[in-house]
Amino acid sequence: MVLVFTPLYFDTKHHYCALEYQGMKDLEQQRLGKIEDFSNKGLILPVVFRGEDCLPDEIKTGIM
């Protein structure tokens, strides 16, 4: 799953992207539970065009 991040991705007025991200997290948890080799990896691949300083720590720690 590819997360295309911009500074407005988690905008408080428009919740679609936040809901999409939560859906990706839920699906990731379901699928990772069935695959033993991916226990310390994720299925969400963030692509950051700009706004790295706005990137939430939850996402930042998963890619570094």
PDB file of N, CA and C in Angstrom:
ATOM      1  N   MET A   1       0.845  -1.160   0.000  1.00  0.00           N
ATOM      2  CA  MET A   1       0.000   0.000   0.000  1.00  0.00           C
ATOM      3  C   MET A   1       0.892   1.225   0.000  1.00  0.00           C
ATOM      4  N   VAL A   2       0.582   2.161  -0.836  1.00  0.00           N
ATOM      5  CA  VAL A   2       1.412   3.353  -0.979  1.00  0.00           C
ATOM      6  C   VAL A   2       0.689   4.555  -0.380  1.00  0.00           C
ATOM      7  N   LEU A   3       1.345   5.218   0.561  1.00  0.00           N
ATOM      8  CA  LEU A   3       0.837   6.423   1.189  1.00  0.00           C
ATOM      9  C   LEU A   3       1.591   7.596   0.565  1.00  0.00           C
ATOM     10  N   VAL A   4       0.897   8.437  -0.193  1.00  0.00           N
ATOM     11  CA  VAL A   4       1.520   9.614  -0.810  1.00  0.00           C
ATOM     12  C   VAL A   4       1.281  10.779   0.142  1.00  0.00           C
ATOM     13  N   PHE A   5       2.338  11.143   0.879  1.00  0.00           N
ATOM     14  CA  PHE A   5       2.200  12.142   1.942  1.00  0.00           C
ATOM     15  C   PHE A   5       2.518  13.547   1.448  1.00  0.00           C
ATOM     16  N   THR A   6       1.655  14.486   1.825  1.00  0.00           N
ATOM     17  CA  THR A   6       1.888  15.923   1.672  1.00  0.00           C
ATOM     18  C   THR A   6       1.529  16.550   3.028  1.00  0.00           C
ATOM     19  N   PRO A   7       1.905  17.790   3.278  1.00  0.00           N
ATOM     20  CA  PRO A   7       1.597  18.403   4.576  1.00  0.00           C
ATOM     21  C   PRO A   7       0.103  18.401   4.929  1.00  0.00           C
ATOM     22  N   LEU A   8      -0.778  18.343   3.958  1.00  0.00           N
ATOM     23  CA  LEU A   8      -2.218  18.362   4.236  1.00  0.00           C
ATOM     24  C   LEU A   8      -2.822  16.962   4.341  1.00  0.00           C
ATOM     25  N   TYR A   9      -1.994  15.926   4.367  1.00  0.00           N
ATOM     26  CA  TYR A   9      -2.514  14.554   4.396  1.00  0.00           C
ATOM     27  C   TYR A   9      -3.415  14.311   5.606  1.00  0.00           C
ATOM     28  N   PHE A  10      -3.028  14.810   6.766  1.00  0.00           N
ATOM     29  CA  PHE A  10      -3.838  14.658   7.968  1.00  0.00           C
ATOM     30  C   PHE A  10      -4.544  15.965   8.325  1.00  0.00           C
ATOM     31  N   ASP A  11      -5.108  16.619   7.343  1.00  0.00           N
ATOM     32  CA  ASP A  11      -5.825  17.877   7.519  1.00  0.00           C
ATOM     33  C   ASP A  11      -7.029  17.672   8.432  1.00  0.00           C
ATOM     34  N   THR A  12      -7.222  18.580   9.368  1.00  0.00           N
ATOM     35  CA  THR A  12      -8.317  18.433  10.333  1.00  0.00           C
ATOM     36  C   THR A  12      -9.694  18.704   9.730  1.00  0.00           C
ATOM     37  N   LYS A  13      -9.756  19.418   8.621  1.00  0.00           N
ATOM     38  CA  LYS A  13     -11.045  19.719   7.985  1.00  0.00           C
ATOM     39  C   LYS A  13     -11.487  18.622   7.015  1.00  0.00           C
ATOM     40  N   HIS A  14     -10.545  17.920   6.439  1.00  0.00           N
ATOM     41  CA  HIS A  14     -10.848  16.870   5.459  1.00  0.00           C
ATOM     42  C   HIS A  14     -10.237  15.568   5.971  1.00  0.00           C
ATOM     43  N   HIS A  15     -11.083  14.660   6.417  1.00  0.00           N
ATOM     44  CA  HIS A  15     -10.641  13.458   7.115  1.00  0.00           C
ATOM     45  C   HIS A  15     -10.409  12.252   6.207  1.00  0.00           C
ATOM     46  N   TYR A  16     -10.614  12.393   4.901  1.00  0.00           N
ATOM     47  CA  TYR A  16     -10.545  11.233   4.015  1.00  0.00           C
ATOM     48  C   TYR A  16      -9.191  10.524   4.098  1.00  0.00           C
ATOM     49  N   CYS A  17      -8.115  11.260   4.029  1.00  0.00           N
ATOM     50  CA  CYS A  17      -6.780  10.636   4.038  1.00  0.00           C
ATOM     51  C   CYS A  17      -6.482   9.978   5.384  1.00  0.00           C
ATOM     52  N   ALA A  18      -6.929  10.583   6.467  1.00  0.00           N
ATOM     53  CA  ALA A  18      -6.725   9.972   7.781  1.00  0.00           C
ATOM     54  C   ALA A  18      -7.504   8.667   7.884  1.00  0.00           C
ATOM     55  N   LEU A  19      -8.717   8.643   7.355  1.00  0.00           N
ATOM     56  CA  LEU A  19      -9.505   7.411   7.344  1.00  0.00           C
ATOM     57  C   LEU A  19      -8.861   6.362   6.441  1.00  0.00           C
ATOM     58  N   GLU A  20      -8.335   6.799   5.313  1.00  0.00           N
ATOM     59  CA  GLU A  20      -7.634   5.891   4.404  1.00  0.00           C
ATOM     60  C   GLU A  20      -6.412   5.285   5.093  1.00  0.00           C
ATOM     61  N   TYR A  21      -5.656   6.096   5.811  1.00  0.00           N
ATOM     62  CA  TYR A  21      -4.481   5.611   6.523  1.00  0.00           C
ATOM     63  C   TYR A  21      -4.881   4.594   7.593  1.00  0.00           C
ATOM     64  N   GLN A  22      -5.929   4.891   8.346  1.00  0.00           N
ATOM     65  CA  GLN A  22      -6.385   3.953   9.371  1.00  0.00           C
ATOM     66  C   GLN A  22      -6.825   2.633   8.740  1.00  0.00           C
ATOM     67  N   GLY A  23      -7.473   2.713   7.587  1.00  0.00           N
ATOM     68  CA  GLY A  23      -7.862   1.504   6.870  1.00  0.00           C
ATOM     69  C   GLY A  23      -6.649   0.695   6.435  1.00  0.00           C
ATOM     70  N   MET A  24      -5.596   1.384   5.984  1.00  0.00           N
ATOM     71  CA  MET A  24      -4.356   0.700   5.607  1.00  0.00           C
ATOM     72  C   MET A  24      -3.731   0.026   6.821  1.00  0.00           C
ATOM     73  N   LYS A  25      -3.730   0.716   7.972  1.00  0.00           N
ATOM     74  CA  LYS A  25      -3.168   0.140   9.197  1.00  0.00           C
ATOM     75  C   LYS A  25      -3.941  -1.116   9.613  1.00  0.00           C
ATOM     76  N   ASP A  26      -5.262  -1.050   9.545  1.00  0.00           N
ATOM     77  CA  ASP A  26      -6.083  -2.202   9.913  1.00  0.00           C
ATOM     78  C   ASP A  26      -5.817  -3.395   8.991  1.00  0.00           C
ATOM     79  N   LEU A  27      -5.780  -3.137   7.701  1.00  0.00           N
ATOM     80  CA  LEU A  27      -5.522  -4.192   6.728  1.00  0.00           C
ATOM     81  C   LEU A  27      -4.113  -4.754   6.890  1.00  0.00           C
ATOM     82  N   GLU A  28      -3.157  -3.871   7.170  1.00  0.00           N
ATOM     83  CA  GLU A  28      -1.777  -4.301   7.405  1.00  0.00           C
ATOM     84  C   GLU A  28      -1.712  -5.261   8.591  1.00  0.00           C
ATOM     85  N   GLN A  29      -2.392  -4.936   9.684  1.00  0.00           N
ATOM     86  CA  GLN A  29      -2.390  -5.791  10.873  1.00  0.00           C
ATOM     87  C   GLN A  29      -2.979  -7.167  10.559  1.00  0.00           C
ATOM     88  N   GLN A  30      -4.070  -7.190   9.793  1.00  0.00           N
ATOM     89  CA  GLN A  30      -4.695  -8.457   9.415  1.00  0.00           C
ATOM     90  C   GLN A  30      -3.746  -9.315   8.580  1.00  0.00           C
ATOM     91  N   ARG A  31      -3.124  -8.702   7.604  1.00  0.00           N
ATOM     92  CA  ARG A  31      -2.265  -9.455   6.689  1.00  0.00           C
ATOM     93  C   ARG A  31      -0.937  -9.853   7.315  1.00  0.00           C
ATOM     94  N   LEU A  32      -0.354  -8.986   8.120  1.00  0.00           N
ATOM     95  CA  LEU A  32       0.922  -9.319   8.751  1.00  0.00           C
ATOM     96  C   LEU A  32       0.762 -10.453   9.759  1.00  0.00           C
ATOM     97  N   GLY A  33      -0.409 -10.578  10.348  1.00  0.00           N
ATOM     98  CA  GLY A  33      -0.657 -11.655  11.279  1.00  0.00           C
ATOM     99  C   GLY A  33      -0.631 -13.024  10.612  1.00  0.00           C
ATOM    100  N   LYS A  34      -0.805 -13.048   9.306  1.00  0.00           N
ATOM    101  CA  LYS A  34      -0.826 -14.308   8.564  1.00  0.00           C
ATOM    102  C   LYS A  34       0.502 -14.646   7.913  1.00  0.00           C
ATOM    103  N   ILE A  35       1.459 -13.718   7.957  1.00  0.00           N
ATOM    104  CA  ILE A  35       2.756 -13.920   7.305  1.00  0.00           C
ATOM    105  C   ILE A  35       3.844 -13.862   8.367  1.00  0.00           C
ATOM    106  N   GLU A  36       4.514 -14.959   8.612  1.00  0.00           N
ATOM    107  CA  GLU A  36       5.535 -15.002   9.657  1.00  0.00           C
ATOM    108  C   GLU A  36       6.788 -14.213   9.298  1.00  0.00           C
ATOM    109  N   ASP A  37       7.191 -14.215   8.042  1.00  0.00           N
ATOM    110  CA  ASP A  37       8.441 -13.575   7.636  1.00  0.00           C
ATOM    111  C   ASP A  37       8.394 -12.051   7.703  1.00  0.00           C
ATOM    112  N   PHE A  38       7.230 -11.457   7.874  1.00  0.00           N
ATOM    113  CA  PHE A  38       7.092 -10.005   7.869  1.00  0.00           C
ATOM    114  C   PHE A  38       6.781  -9.455   9.260  1.00  0.00           C
ATOM    115  N   SER A  39       7.152 -10.179  10.299  1.00  0.00           N
ATOM    116  CA  SER A  39       6.776  -9.766  11.644  1.00  0.00           C
ATOM    117  C   SER A  39       7.357  -8.410  12.056  1.00  0.00           C
ATOM    118  N   ASN A  40       8.502  -8.019  11.519  1.00  0.00           N
ATOM    119  CA  ASN A  40       9.100  -6.734  11.894  1.00  0.00           C
ATOM    120  C   ASN A  40       9.090  -5.735  10.741  1.00  0.00           C
ATOM    121  N   LYS A  41       8.237  -5.949   9.762  1.00  0.00           N
ATOM    122  CA  LYS A  41       8.158  -5.065   8.602  1.00  0.00           C
ATOM    123  C   LYS A  41       6.731  -4.578   8.443  1.00  0.00           C
ATOM    124  N   GLY A  42       6.538  -3.658   7.519  1.00  0.00           N
ATOM    125  CA  GLY A  42       5.206  -3.149   7.255  1.00  0.00           C
ATOM    126  C   GLY A  42       4.849  -3.259   5.794  1.00  0.00           C
ATOM    127  N   LEU A  43       3.581  -3.086   5.504  1.00  0.00           N
ATOM    128  CA  LEU A  43       3.096  -3.147   4.130  1.00  0.00           C
ATOM    129  C   LEU A  43       2.747  -1.771   3.580  1.00  0.00           C
ATOM    130  N   ILE A  44       2.919  -0.727   4.398  1.00  0.00           N
ATOM    131  CA  ILE A  44       2.619   0.636   3.971  1.00  0.00           C
ATOM    132  C   ILE A  44       3.927   1.304   3.583  1.00  0.00           C
ATOM    133  N   LEU A  45       3.996   1.773   2.341  1.00  0.00           N
ATOM    134  CA  LEU A  45       5.202   2.424   1.824  1.00  0.00           C
ATOM    135  C   LEU A  45       4.922   3.913   1.655  1.00  0.00           C
ATOM    136  N   PRO A  46       5.418   4.756   2.560  1.00  0.00           N
ATOM    137  CA  PRO A  46       5.176   6.189   2.438  1.00  0.00           C
ATOM    138  C   PRO A  46       6.076   6.829   1.385  1.00  0.00           C
ATOM    139  N   VAL A  47       5.476   7.661   0.564  1.00  0.00           N
ATOM    140  CA  VAL A  47       6.203   8.478  -0.406  1.00  0.00           C
ATOM    141  C   VAL A  47       5.992   9.920   0.032  1.00  0.00           C
ATOM    142  N   VAL A  48       7.083  10.608   0.383  1.00  0.00           N
ATOM    143  CA  VAL A  48       6.991  11.970   0.917  1.00  0.00           C
ATOM    144  C   VAL A  48       7.503  12.939  -0.137  1.00  0.00           C
ATOM    145  N   PHE A  49       6.605  13.708  -0.741  1.00  0.00           N
ATOM    146  CA  PHE A  49       7.000  14.698  -1.744  1.00  0.00           C
ATOM    147  C   PHE A  49       7.525  15.966  -1.092  1.00  0.00           C
ATOM    148  N   ARG A  50       6.864  16.381  -0.035  1.00  0.00           N
ATOM    149  CA  ARG A  50       7.290  17.565   0.717  1.00  0.00           C
ATOM    150  C   ARG A  50       6.633  17.492   2.089  1.00  0.00           C
ATOM    151  N   GLY A  51       7.158  18.238   3.021  1.00  0.00           N
ATOM    152  CA  GLY A  51       6.588  18.272   4.355  1.00  0.00           C
ATOM    153  C   GLY A  51       7.113  17.193   5.274  1.00  0.00           C
ATOM    154  N   GLU A  52       8.371  16.808   5.092  1.00  0.00           N
ATOM    155  CA  GLU A  52       8.948  15.778   5.965  1.00  0.00           C
ATOM    156  C   GLU A  52       8.883  16.191   7.432  1.00  0.00           C
ATOM    157  N   ASP A  53       8.979  17.492   7.692  1.00  0.00           N
ATOM    158  CA  ASP A  53       8.905  17.984   9.066  1.00  0.00           C
ATOM    159  C   ASP A  53       7.498  17.829   9.652  1.00  0.00           C
ATOM    160  N   CYS A  54       6.486  17.641   8.808  1.00  0.00           N
ATOM    161  CA  CYS A  54       5.100  17.439   9.255  1.00  0.00           C
ATOM    162  C   CYS A  54       4.744  15.962   9.383  1.00  0.00           C
ATOM    163  N   LEU A  55       5.644  15.089   8.988  1.00  0.00           N
ATOM    164  CA  LEU A  55       5.386  13.654   9.000  1.00  0.00           C
ATOM    165  C   LEU A  55       5.239  13.158  10.438  1.00  0.00           C
ATOM    166  N   PRO A  56       4.118  12.508  10.759  1.00  0.00           N
ATOM    167  CA  PRO A  56       3.931  12.006  12.125  1.00  0.00           C
ATOM    168  C   PRO A  56       5.000  10.982  12.508  1.00  0.00           C
ATOM    169  N   ASP A  57       5.349  10.958  13.777  1.00  0.00           N
ATOM    170  CA  ASP A  57       6.384  10.035  14.258  1.00  0.00           C
ATOM    171  C   ASP A  57       6.049   8.585  13.977  1.00  0.00           C
ATOM    172  N   GLU A  58       4.777   8.225  14.038  1.00  0.00           N
ATOM    173  CA  GLU A  58       4.362   6.849  13.768  1.00  0.00           C
ATOM    174  C   GLU A  58       4.798   6.397  12.371  1.00  0.00           C
ATOM    175  N   ILE A  59       4.696   7.290  11.415  1.00  0.00           N
ATOM    176  CA  ILE A  59       5.094   6.969  10.042  1.00  0.00           C
ATOM    177  C   ILE A  59       6.594   7.112   9.884  1.00  0.00           C
ATOM    178  N   LYS A  60       7.151   8.145  10.484  1.00  0.00           N
ATOM    179  CA  LYS A  60       8.578   8.416  10.369  1.00  0.00           C
ATOM    180  C   LYS A  60       9.429   7.271  10.913  1.00  0.00           C
ATOM    181  N   THR A  61       9.065   6.721  12.050  1.00  0.00           N
ATOM    182  CA  THR A  61       9.843   5.629  12.637  1.00  0.00           C
ATOM    183  C   THR A  61       9.723   4.357  11.832  1.00  0.00           C
ATOM    184  N   GLY A  62       8.650   4.208  11.082  1.00  0.00           N
ATOM    185  CA  GLY A  62       8.482   3.019  10.257  1.00  0.00           C
ATOM    186  C   GLY A  62       9.312   3.024   8.997  1.00  0.00           C
ATOM    187  N   ILE A  63       9.836   4.196   8.578  1.00  0.00           N
ATOM    188  CA  ILE A  63      10.601   4.252   7.330  1.00  0.00           C
ATOM    189  C   ILE A  63      12.071   4.521   7.544  1.00  0.00           C
ATOM    190  N   MET A  64      12.489   4.814   8.761  1.00  0.00           N
ATOM    191  CA  MET A  64      13.887   5.129   8.973  1.00  0.00           C
ATOM    192  C   MET A  64      14.617   4.007   9.665  1.00  0.00           C
TER     193      MET A  64
END
